[in-house]
């Protein structure tokens, strides 16, 4: 994996990964849903989800990543493995 020194760039890459992996489209239990319903399932505000989708990225806390992973039935370990694999490709 390429080391990213700039934390803003790292946050942006994580947000891009989340957006591509979980928000295109939003799904709950395999069925498409709205941003608001997805946010509610994650126990996050819809504005938080919108910040993640922003092109500039978002200083995303690990608790937000955890909330999304929880809804997606994905461990943090697997999330970061997938993220690292994606970074190797780019």
PDB file of N, CA and C in Angstrom:
ATOM      1  N   UNK A   1       0.844  -1.176   0.000  1.00  0.00           N
ATOM      2  CA  UNK A   1       0.000   0.000   0.000  1.00  0.00           C
ATOM      3  C   UNK A   1       0.888   1.237   0.000  1.00  0.00           C
ATOM      4  N   UNK A   2       0.506   2.198  -0.769  1.00  0.00           N
ATOM      5  CA  UNK A   2       1.210   3.463  -0.788  1.00  0.00           C
ATOM      6  C   UNK A   2       0.896   4.219   0.492  1.00  0.00           C
ATOM      7  N   UNK A   3       1.949   4.698   1.149  1.00  0.00           N
ATOM      8  CA  UNK A   3       1.748   5.453   2.370  1.00  0.00           C
ATOM      9  C   UNK A   3       1.267   6.852   2.023  1.00  0.00           C
ATOM     10  N   UNK A   4       0.211   7.278   2.696  1.00  0.00           N
ATOM     11  CA  UNK A   4      -0.348   8.611   2.478  1.00  0.00           C
ATOM     12  C   UNK A   4      -0.019   9.446   3.709  1.00  0.00           C
ATOM     13  N   UNK A   5       0.835  10.440   3.525  1.00  0.00           N
ATOM     14  CA  UNK A   5       1.235  11.286   4.652  1.00  0.00           C
ATOM     15  C   UNK A   5       0.153  12.278   5.050  1.00  0.00           C
ATOM     16  N   UNK A   6      -0.531  12.826   4.091  1.00  0.00           N
ATOM     17  CA  UNK A   6      -1.531  13.865   4.345  1.00  0.00           C
ATOM     18  C   UNK A   6      -2.820  13.224   4.860  1.00  0.00           C
ATOM     19  N   UNK A   7      -3.191  13.541   6.106  1.00  0.00           N
ATOM     20  CA  UNK A   7      -4.390  12.924   6.689  1.00  0.00           C
ATOM     21  C   UNK A   7      -5.648  13.313   5.923  1.00  0.00           C
ATOM     22  N   UNK A   8      -5.678  14.503   5.332  1.00  0.00           N
ATOM     23  CA  UNK A   8      -6.853  14.893   4.548  1.00  0.00           C
ATOM     24  C   UNK A   8      -6.989  14.009   3.313  1.00  0.00           C
ATOM     25  N   UNK A   9      -5.870  13.674   2.702  1.00  0.00           N
ATOM     26  CA  UNK A   9      -5.899  12.790   1.540  1.00  0.00           C
ATOM     27  C   UNK A   9      -6.333  11.383   1.943  1.00  0.00           C
ATOM     28  N   UNK A  10      -5.862  10.916   3.090  1.00  0.00           N
ATOM     29  CA  UNK A  10      -6.265   9.603   3.585  1.00  0.00           C
ATOM     30  C   UNK A  10      -7.761   9.579   3.862  1.00  0.00           C
ATOM     31  N   UNK A  11      -8.271  10.598   4.548  1.00  0.00           N
ATOM     32  CA  UNK A  11      -9.711  10.669   4.816  1.00  0.00           C
ATOM     33  C   UNK A  11     -10.509  10.683   3.521  1.00  0.00           C
ATOM     34  N   UNK A  12     -10.018  11.421   2.537  1.00  0.00           N
ATOM     35  CA  UNK A  12     -10.700  11.491   1.246  1.00  0.00           C
ATOM     36  C   UNK A  12     -10.747  10.103   0.593  1.00  0.00           C
ATOM     37  N   UNK A  13      -9.631   9.371   0.643  1.00  0.00           N
ATOM     38  CA  UNK A  13      -9.579   8.023   0.053  1.00  0.00           C
ATOM     39  C   UNK A  13     -10.523   7.064   0.780  1.00  0.00           C
ATOM     40  N   UNK A  14     -10.577   7.166   2.104  1.00  0.00           N
ATOM     41  CA  UNK A  14     -11.496   6.309   2.870  1.00  0.00           C
ATOM     42  C   UNK A  14     -12.937   6.635   2.497  1.00  0.00           C
ATOM     43  N   UNK A  15     -13.269   7.915   2.400  1.00  0.00           N
ATOM     44  CA  UNK A  15     -14.626   8.315   2.026  1.00  0.00           C
ATOM     45  C   UNK A  15     -14.975   7.830   0.620  1.00  0.00           C
ATOM     46  N   UNK A  16     -14.037   7.954  -0.304  1.00  0.00           N
ATOM     47  CA  UNK A  16     -14.271   7.465  -1.671  1.00  0.00           C
ATOM     48  C   UNK A  16     -14.531   5.969  -1.666  1.00  0.00           C
ATOM     49  N   UNK A  17     -13.771   5.230  -0.858  1.00  0.00           N
ATOM     50  CA  UNK A  17     -13.953   3.786  -0.749  1.00  0.00           C
ATOM     51  C   UNK A  17     -15.337   3.453  -0.193  1.00  0.00           C
ATOM     52  N   UNK A  18     -15.726   4.125   0.883  1.00  0.00           N
ATOM     53  CA  UNK A  18     -17.045   3.882   1.490  1.00  0.00           C
ATOM     54  C   UNK A  18     -18.150   4.206   0.496  1.00  0.00           C
ATOM     55  N   UNK A  19     -18.014   5.328  -0.173  1.00  0.00           N
ATOM     56  CA  UNK A  19     -19.023   5.745  -1.150  1.00  0.00           C
ATOM     57  C   UNK A  19     -19.195   4.678  -2.240  1.00  0.00           C
ATOM     58  N   UNK A  20     -18.093   4.212  -2.791  1.00  0.00           N
ATOM     59  CA  UNK A  20     -18.163   3.205  -3.854  1.00  0.00           C
ATOM     60  C   UNK A  20     -18.654   1.860  -3.334  1.00  0.00           C
ATOM     61  N   UNK A  21     -18.223   1.487  -2.143  1.00  0.00           N
ATOM     62  CA  UNK A  21     -18.525   0.157  -1.596  1.00  0.00           C
ATOM     63  C   UNK A  21     -19.936   0.047  -1.032  1.00  0.00           C
ATOM     64  N   UNK A  22     -20.425   1.128  -0.403  1.00  0.00           N
ATOM     65  CA  UNK A  22     -21.691   1.023   0.325  1.00  0.00           C
ATOM     66  C   UNK A  22     -22.797   1.974  -0.135  1.00  0.00           C
ATOM     67  N   UNK A  23     -22.455   3.031  -0.845  1.00  0.00           N
ATOM     68  CA  UNK A  23     -23.456   4.053  -1.152  1.00  0.00           C
ATOM     69  C   UNK A  23     -23.880   4.077  -2.609  1.00  0.00           C
ATOM     70  N   UNK A  24     -23.489   3.115  -3.393  1.00  0.00           N
ATOM     71  CA  UNK A  24     -23.804   3.148  -4.829  1.00  0.00           C
ATOM     72  C   UNK A  24     -24.506   1.879  -5.282  1.00  0.00           C
ATOM     73  N   UNK A  25     -25.726   1.660  -5.026  1.00  0.00           N
ATOM     74  CA  UNK A  25     -26.692   2.463  -4.265  1.00  0.00           C
ATOM     75  C   UNK A  25     -26.685   2.068  -2.786  1.00  0.00           C
ATOM     76  N   UNK A  26     -27.471   2.784  -2.000  1.00  0.00           N
ATOM     77  CA  UNK A  26     -27.665   2.417  -0.602  1.00  0.00           C
ATOM     78  C   UNK A  26     -28.485   1.140  -0.582  1.00  0.00           C
ATOM     79  N   UNK A  27     -28.082   0.191   0.268  1.00  0.00           N
ATOM     80  CA  UNK A  27     -28.835  -1.052   0.391  1.00  0.00           C
ATOM     81  C   UNK A  27     -28.931  -1.451   1.850  1.00  0.00           C
ATOM     82  N   UNK A  28     -30.091  -1.960   2.206  1.00  0.00           N
ATOM     83  CA  UNK A  28     -30.327  -2.570   3.510  1.00  0.00           C
ATOM     84  C   UNK A  28     -30.897  -3.950   3.265  1.00  0.00           C
ATOM     85  N   UNK A  29     -30.281  -4.950   3.814  1.00  0.00           N
ATOM     86  CA  UNK A  29     -30.712  -6.339   3.616  1.00  0.00           C
ATOM     87  C   UNK A  29     -30.848  -6.685   2.142  1.00  0.00           C
ATOM     88  N   UNK A  30     -29.928  -6.168   1.338  1.00  0.00           N
ATOM     89  CA  UNK A  30     -29.907  -6.487  -0.084  1.00  0.00           C
ATOM     90  C   UNK A  30     -30.869  -5.699  -0.950  1.00  0.00           C
ATOM     91  N   UNK A  31     -31.649  -4.817  -0.351  1.00  0.00           N
ATOM     92  CA  UNK A  31     -32.634  -4.042  -1.110  1.00  0.00           C
ATOM     93  C   UNK A  31     -32.258  -2.567  -1.114  1.00  0.00           C
ATOM     94  N   UNK A  32     -32.419  -1.934  -2.273  1.00  0.00           N
ATOM     95  CA  UNK A  32     -32.111  -0.503  -2.370  1.00  0.00           C
ATOM     96  C   UNK A  32     -32.990   0.289  -1.410  1.00  0.00           C
ATOM     97  N   UNK A  33     -32.393   1.345  -0.870  1.00  0.00           N
ATOM     98  CA  UNK A  33     -33.106   2.189   0.080  1.00  0.00           C
ATOM     99  C   UNK A  33     -32.663   3.637  -0.106  1.00  0.00           C
ATOM    100  N   UNK A  34     -33.261   4.516   0.640  1.00  0.00           N
ATOM    101  CA  UNK A  34     -32.921   5.939   0.556  1.00  0.00           C
ATOM    102  C   UNK A  34     -31.763   6.275   1.485  1.00  0.00           C
ATOM    103  N   UNK A  35     -31.162   7.415   1.245  1.00  0.00           N
ATOM    104  CA  UNK A  35     -30.093   7.921   2.111  1.00  0.00           C
ATOM    105  C   UNK A  35     -30.600   8.030   3.540  1.00  0.00           C
ATOM    106  N   UNK A  36     -31.788   8.576   3.738  1.00  0.00           N
ATOM    107  CA  UNK A  36     -32.324   8.780   5.090  1.00  0.00           C
ATOM    108  C   UNK A  36     -32.528   7.460   5.827  1.00  0.00           C
ATOM    109  N   UNK A  37     -33.056   6.458   5.148  1.00  0.00           N
ATOM    110  CA  UNK A  37     -33.273   5.159   5.801  1.00  0.00           C
ATOM    111  C   UNK A  37     -31.946   4.476   6.107  1.00  0.00           C
ATOM    112  N   UNK A  38     -30.991   4.620   5.201  1.00  0.00           N
ATOM    113  CA  UNK A  38     -29.668   4.037   5.432  1.00  0.00           C
ATOM    114  C   UNK A  38     -29.006   4.711   6.630  1.00  0.00           C
ATOM    115  N   UNK A  39     -29.060   6.028   6.672  1.00  0.00           N
ATOM    116  CA  UNK A  39     -28.474   6.778   7.779  1.00  0.00           C
ATOM    117  C   UNK A  39     -29.117   6.370   9.102  1.00  0.00           C
ATOM    118  N   UNK A  40     -30.419   6.231   9.110  1.00  0.00           N
ATOM    119  CA  UNK A  40     -31.133   5.845  10.330  1.00  0.00           C
ATOM    120  C   UNK A  40     -30.703   4.446  10.780  1.00  0.00           C
ATOM    121  N   UNK A  41     -30.550   3.527   9.840  1.00  0.00           N
ATOM    122  CA  UNK A  41     -30.114   2.169  10.178  1.00  0.00           C
ATOM    123  C   UNK A  41     -28.716   2.184  10.800  1.00  0.00           C
ATOM    124  N   UNK A  42     -27.876   3.110  10.344  1.00  0.00           N
ATOM    125  CA  UNK A  42     -26.513   3.246  10.876  1.00  0.00           C
ATOM    126  C   UNK A  42     -26.476   4.051  12.165  1.00  0.00           C
ATOM    127  N   UNK A  43     -27.601   4.632  12.527  1.00  0.00           N
ATOM    128  CA  UNK A  43     -27.681   5.543  13.670  1.00  0.00           C
ATOM    129  C   UNK A  43     -26.769   6.754  13.463  1.00  0.00           C
ATOM    130  N   UNK A  44     -26.771   7.240  12.213  1.00  0.00           N
ATOM    131  CA  UNK A  44     -26.014   8.428  11.826  1.00  0.00           C
ATOM    132  C   UNK A  44     -26.977   9.442  11.236  1.00  0.00           C
ATOM    133  N   UNK A  45     -26.578  10.684  11.204  1.00  0.00           N
ATOM    134  CA  UNK A  45     -27.422  11.687  10.554  1.00  0.00           C
ATOM    135  C   UNK A  45     -27.228  11.598   9.044  1.00  0.00           C
ATOM    136  N   UNK A  46     -28.249  11.996   8.316  1.00  0.00           N
ATOM    137  CA  UNK A  46     -28.126  12.005   6.853  1.00  0.00           C
ATOM    138  C   UNK A  46     -27.052  12.998   6.416  1.00  0.00           C
ATOM    139  N   UNK A  47     -26.822  14.039   7.216  1.00  0.00           N
ATOM    140  CA  UNK A  47     -25.764  14.999   6.872  1.00  0.00           C
ATOM    141  C   UNK A  47     -24.380  14.358   6.984  1.00  0.00           C
ATOM    142  N   UNK A  48     -24.216  13.418   7.906  1.00  0.00           N
ATOM    143  CA  UNK A  48     -22.935  12.701   8.011  1.00  0.00           C
ATOM    144  C   UNK A  48     -22.697  11.878   6.757  1.00  0.00           C
ATOM    145  N   UNK A  49     -23.729  11.183   6.295  1.00  0.00           N
ATOM    146  CA  UNK A  49     -23.604  10.388   5.062  1.00  0.00           C
ATOM    147  C   UNK A  49     -23.285  11.319   3.893  1.00  0.00           C
ATOM    148  N   UNK A  50     -23.943  12.464   3.846  1.00  0.00           N
ATOM    149  CA  UNK A  50     -23.685  13.433   2.773  1.00  0.00           C
ATOM    150  C   UNK A  50     -22.248  13.949   2.821  1.00  0.00           C
ATOM    151  N   UNK A  51     -21.716  14.162   4.024  1.00  0.00           N
ATOM    152  CA  UNK A  51     -20.324  14.609   4.156  1.00  0.00           C
ATOM    153  C   UNK A  51     -19.366  13.558   3.612  1.00  0.00           C
ATOM    154  N   UNK A  52     -19.659  12.301   3.860  1.00  0.00           N
ATOM    155  CA  UNK A  52     -18.810  11.219   3.360  1.00  0.00           C
ATOM    156  C   UNK A  52     -18.821  11.214   1.834  1.00  0.00           C
ATOM    157  N   UNK A  53     -19.968  11.501   1.259  1.00  0.00           N
ATOM    158  CA  UNK A  53     -20.108  11.499  -0.201  1.00  0.00           C
ATOM    159  C   UNK A  53     -19.497  12.729  -0.865  1.00  0.00           C
ATOM    160  N   UNK A  54     -19.202  13.767  -0.092  1.00  0.00           N
ATOM    161  CA  UNK A  54     -18.659  15.004  -0.645  1.00  0.00           C
ATOM    162  C   UNK A  54     -17.319  14.742  -1.323  1.00  0.00           C
ATOM    163  N   UNK A  55     -17.091  15.383  -2.446  1.00  0.00           N
ATOM    164  CA  UNK A  55     -15.859  15.190  -3.226  1.00  0.00           C
ATOM    165  C   UNK A  55     -14.608  15.564  -2.438  1.00  0.00           C
ATOM    166  N   UNK A  56     -14.744  16.472  -1.487  1.00  0.00           N
ATOM    167  CA  UNK A  56     -13.601  16.901  -0.692  1.00  0.00           C
ATOM    168  C   UNK A  56     -13.271  15.926   0.434  1.00  0.00           C
ATOM    169  N   UNK A  57     -14.162  14.980   0.671  1.00  0.00           N
ATOM    170  CA  UNK A  57     -13.950  14.048   1.762  1.00  0.00           C
ATOM    171  C   UNK A  57     -14.411  14.621   3.087  1.00  0.00           C
ATOM    172  N   UNK A  58     -14.132  13.894   4.152  1.00  0.00           N
ATOM    173  CA  UNK A  58     -14.650  14.228   5.473  1.00  0.00           C
ATOM    174  C   UNK A  58     -13.695  13.608   6.491  1.00  0.00           C
ATOM    175  N   UNK A  59     -13.426  14.309   7.558  1.00  0.00           N
ATOM    176  CA  UNK A  59     -12.569  13.783   8.616  1.00  0.00           C
ATOM    177  C   UNK A  59     -13.373  12.743   9.392  1.00  0.00           C
ATOM    178  N   UNK A  60     -13.427  11.558   8.848  1.00  0.00           N
ATOM    179  CA  UNK A  60     -14.358  10.525   9.308  1.00  0.00           C
ATOM    180  C   UNK A  60     -13.852   9.821  10.568  1.00  0.00           C
ATOM    181  N   UNK A  61     -14.635   9.859  11.645  1.00  0.00           N
ATOM    182  CA  UNK A  61     -14.227   9.161  12.863  1.00  0.00           C
ATOM    183  C   UNK A  61     -14.388   7.645  12.704  1.00  0.00           C
ATOM    184  N   UNK A  62     -13.591   6.911  13.432  1.00  0.00           N
ATOM    185  CA  UNK A  62     -13.669   5.451  13.390  1.00  0.00           C
ATOM    186  C   UNK A  62     -15.052   4.977  13.842  1.00  0.00           C
ATOM    187  N   UNK A  63     -15.706   5.721  14.721  1.00  0.00           N
ATOM    188  CA  UNK A  63     -17.048   5.332  15.175  1.00  0.00           C
ATOM    189  C   UNK A  63     -18.048   5.364  14.016  1.00  0.00           C
ATOM    190  N   UNK A  64     -17.861   6.268  13.076  1.00  0.00           N
ATOM    191  CA  UNK A  64     -18.743   6.327  11.905  1.00  0.00           C
ATOM    192  C   UNK A  64     -18.465   5.142  10.987  1.00  0.00           C
ATOM    193  N   UNK A  65     -17.196   4.832  10.787  1.00  0.00           N
ATOM    194  CA  UNK A  65     -16.848   3.651   9.979  1.00  0.00           C
ATOM    195  C   UNK A  65     -17.424   2.404  10.632  1.00  0.00           C
ATOM    196  N   UNK A  66     -17.293   2.315  11.949  1.00  0.00           N
ATOM    197  CA  UNK A  66     -17.823   1.166  12.679  1.00  0.00           C
ATOM    198  C   UNK A  66     -19.344   1.043  12.511  1.00  0.00           C
ATOM    199  N   UNK A  67     -20.050   2.166  12.593  1.00  0.00           N
ATOM    200  CA  UNK A  67     -21.513   2.142  12.447  1.00  0.00           C
ATOM    201  C   UNK A  67     -21.913   1.631  11.067  1.00  0.00           C
ATOM    202  N   UNK A  68     -21.207   2.065  10.039  1.00  0.00           N
ATOM    203  CA  UNK A  68     -21.504   1.606   8.679  1.00  0.00           C
ATOM    204  C   UNK A  68     -21.172   0.126   8.546  1.00  0.00           C
ATOM    205  N   UNK A  69     -20.018  -0.275   9.060  1.00  0.00           N
ATOM    206  CA  UNK A  69     -19.628  -1.688   8.995  1.00  0.00           C
ATOM    207  C   UNK A  69     -20.626  -2.573   9.737  1.00  0.00           C
ATOM    208  N   UNK A  70     -21.125  -2.089  10.856  1.00  0.00           N
ATOM    209  CA  UNK A  70     -22.099  -2.854  11.629  1.00  0.00           C
ATOM    210  C   UNK A  70     -23.353  -3.134  10.804  1.00  0.00           C
ATOM    211  N   UNK A  71     -23.868  -2.119  10.119  1.00  0.00           N
ATOM    212  CA  UNK A  71     -25.051  -2.295   9.273  1.00  0.00           C
ATOM    213  C   UNK A  71     -24.746  -3.224   8.098  1.00  0.00           C
ATOM    214  N   UNK A  72     -23.521  -3.165   7.615  1.00  0.00           N
ATOM    215  CA  UNK A  72     -23.113  -3.965   6.468  1.00  0.00           C
ATOM    216  C   UNK A  72     -22.617  -5.363   6.867  1.00  0.00           C
ATOM    217  N   UNK A  73     -22.671  -5.679   8.169  1.00  0.00           N
ATOM    218  CA  UNK A  73     -22.195  -6.970   8.680  1.00  0.00           C
ATOM    219  C   UNK A  73     -20.759  -7.252   8.245  1.00  0.00           C
ATOM    220  N   UNK A  74     -19.928  -6.261   8.411  1.00  0.00           N
ATOM    221  CA  UNK A  74     -18.533  -6.325   8.007  1.00  0.00           C
ATOM    222  C   UNK A  74     -17.663  -5.927   9.189  1.00  0.00           C
ATOM    223  N   UNK A  75     -16.661  -6.722   9.482  1.00  0.00           N
ATOM    224  CA  UNK A  75     -15.764  -6.362  10.586  1.00  0.00           C
ATOM    225  C   UNK A  75     -14.873  -5.200  10.166  1.00  0.00           C
ATOM    226  N   UNK A  76     -14.398  -4.465  11.149  1.00  0.00           N
ATOM    227  CA  UNK A  76     -13.451  -3.396  10.853  1.00  0.00           C
ATOM    228  C   UNK A  76     -12.195  -3.963  10.198  1.00  0.00           C
ATOM    229  N   UNK A  77     -11.777  -5.128  10.648  1.00  0.00           N
ATOM    230  CA  UNK A  77     -10.603  -5.771  10.070  1.00  0.00           C
ATOM    231  C   UNK A  77     -10.795  -5.998   8.567  1.00  0.00           C
ATOM    232  N   UNK A  78     -11.918  -6.567   8.196  1.00  0.00           N
ATOM    233  CA  UNK A  78     -12.182  -6.825   6.783  1.00  0.00           C
ATOM    234  C   UNK A  78     -12.345  -5.517   6.003  1.00  0.00           C
ATOM    235  N   UNK A  79     -12.986  -4.533   6.619  1.00  0.00           N
ATOM    236  CA  UNK A  79     -13.133  -3.226   5.972  1.00  0.00           C
ATOM    237  C   UNK A  79     -11.760  -2.674   5.595  1.00  0.00           C
ATOM    238  N   UNK A  80     -10.838  -2.664   6.561  1.00  0.00           N
ATOM    239  CA  UNK A  80      -9.521  -2.092   6.294  1.00  0.00           C
ATOM    240  C   UNK A  80      -8.687  -2.971   5.354  1.00  0.00           C
ATOM    241  N   UNK A  81      -8.911  -4.285   5.384  1.00  0.00           N
ATOM    242  CA  UNK A  81      -8.251  -5.155   4.403  1.00  0.00           C
ATOM    243  C   UNK A  81      -8.714  -4.803   2.993  1.00  0.00           C
ATOM    244  N   UNK A  82     -10.026  -4.646   2.827  1.00  0.00           N
ATOM    245  CA  UNK A  82     -10.571  -4.286   1.516  1.00  0.00           C
ATOM    246  C   UNK A  82     -10.069  -2.905   1.083  1.00  0.00           C
ATOM    247  N   UNK A  83     -10.030  -1.972   2.024  1.00  0.00           N
ATOM    248  CA  UNK A  83      -9.532  -0.636   1.712  1.00  0.00           C
ATOM    249  C   UNK A  83      -8.074  -0.704   1.270  1.00  0.00           C
ATOM    250  N   UNK A  84      -7.271  -1.448   1.987  1.00  0.00           N
ATOM    251  CA  UNK A  84      -5.850  -1.572   1.644  1.00  0.00           C
ATOM    252  C   UNK A  84      -5.690  -2.217   0.267  1.00  0.00           C
ATOM    253  N   UNK A  85      -6.471  -3.241  -0.024  1.00  0.00           N
ATOM    254  CA  UNK A  85      -6.407  -3.879  -1.342  1.00  0.00           C
ATOM    255  C   UNK A  85      -6.784  -2.903  -2.439  1.00  0.00           C
ATOM    256  N   UNK A  86      -7.769  -2.067  -2.185  1.00  0.00           N
ATOM    257  CA  UNK A  86      -8.176  -1.055  -3.158  1.00  0.00           C
ATOM    258  C   UNK A  86      -7.055  -0.040  -3.380  1.00  0.00           C
ATOM    259  N   UNK A  87      -6.391   0.332  -2.304  1.00  0.00           N
ATOM    260  CA  UNK A  87      -5.289   1.296  -2.414  1.00  0.00           C
ATOM    261  C   UNK A  87      -4.131   0.725  -3.222  1.00  0.00           C
ATOM    262  N   UNK A  88      -3.893  -0.581  -3.099  1.00  0.00           N
ATOM    263  CA  UNK A  88      -2.821  -1.221  -3.868  1.00  0.00           C
ATOM    264  C   UNK A  88      -3.088  -1.159  -5.361  1.00  0.00           C
ATOM    265  N   UNK A  89      -4.378  -1.184  -5.718  1.00  0.00           N
ATOM    266  CA  UNK A  89      -4.770  -1.150  -7.137  1.00  0.00           C
ATOM    267  C   UNK A  89      -4.625   0.235  -7.740  1.00  0.00           C
ATOM    268  N   UNK A  90      -4.693   1.263  -6.896  1.00  0.00           N
ATOM    269  CA  UNK A  90      -4.660   2.623  -7.443  1.00  0.00           C
ATOM    270  C   UNK A  90      -3.299   3.234  -7.447  1.00  0.00           C
TER     271      UNK A  90
END
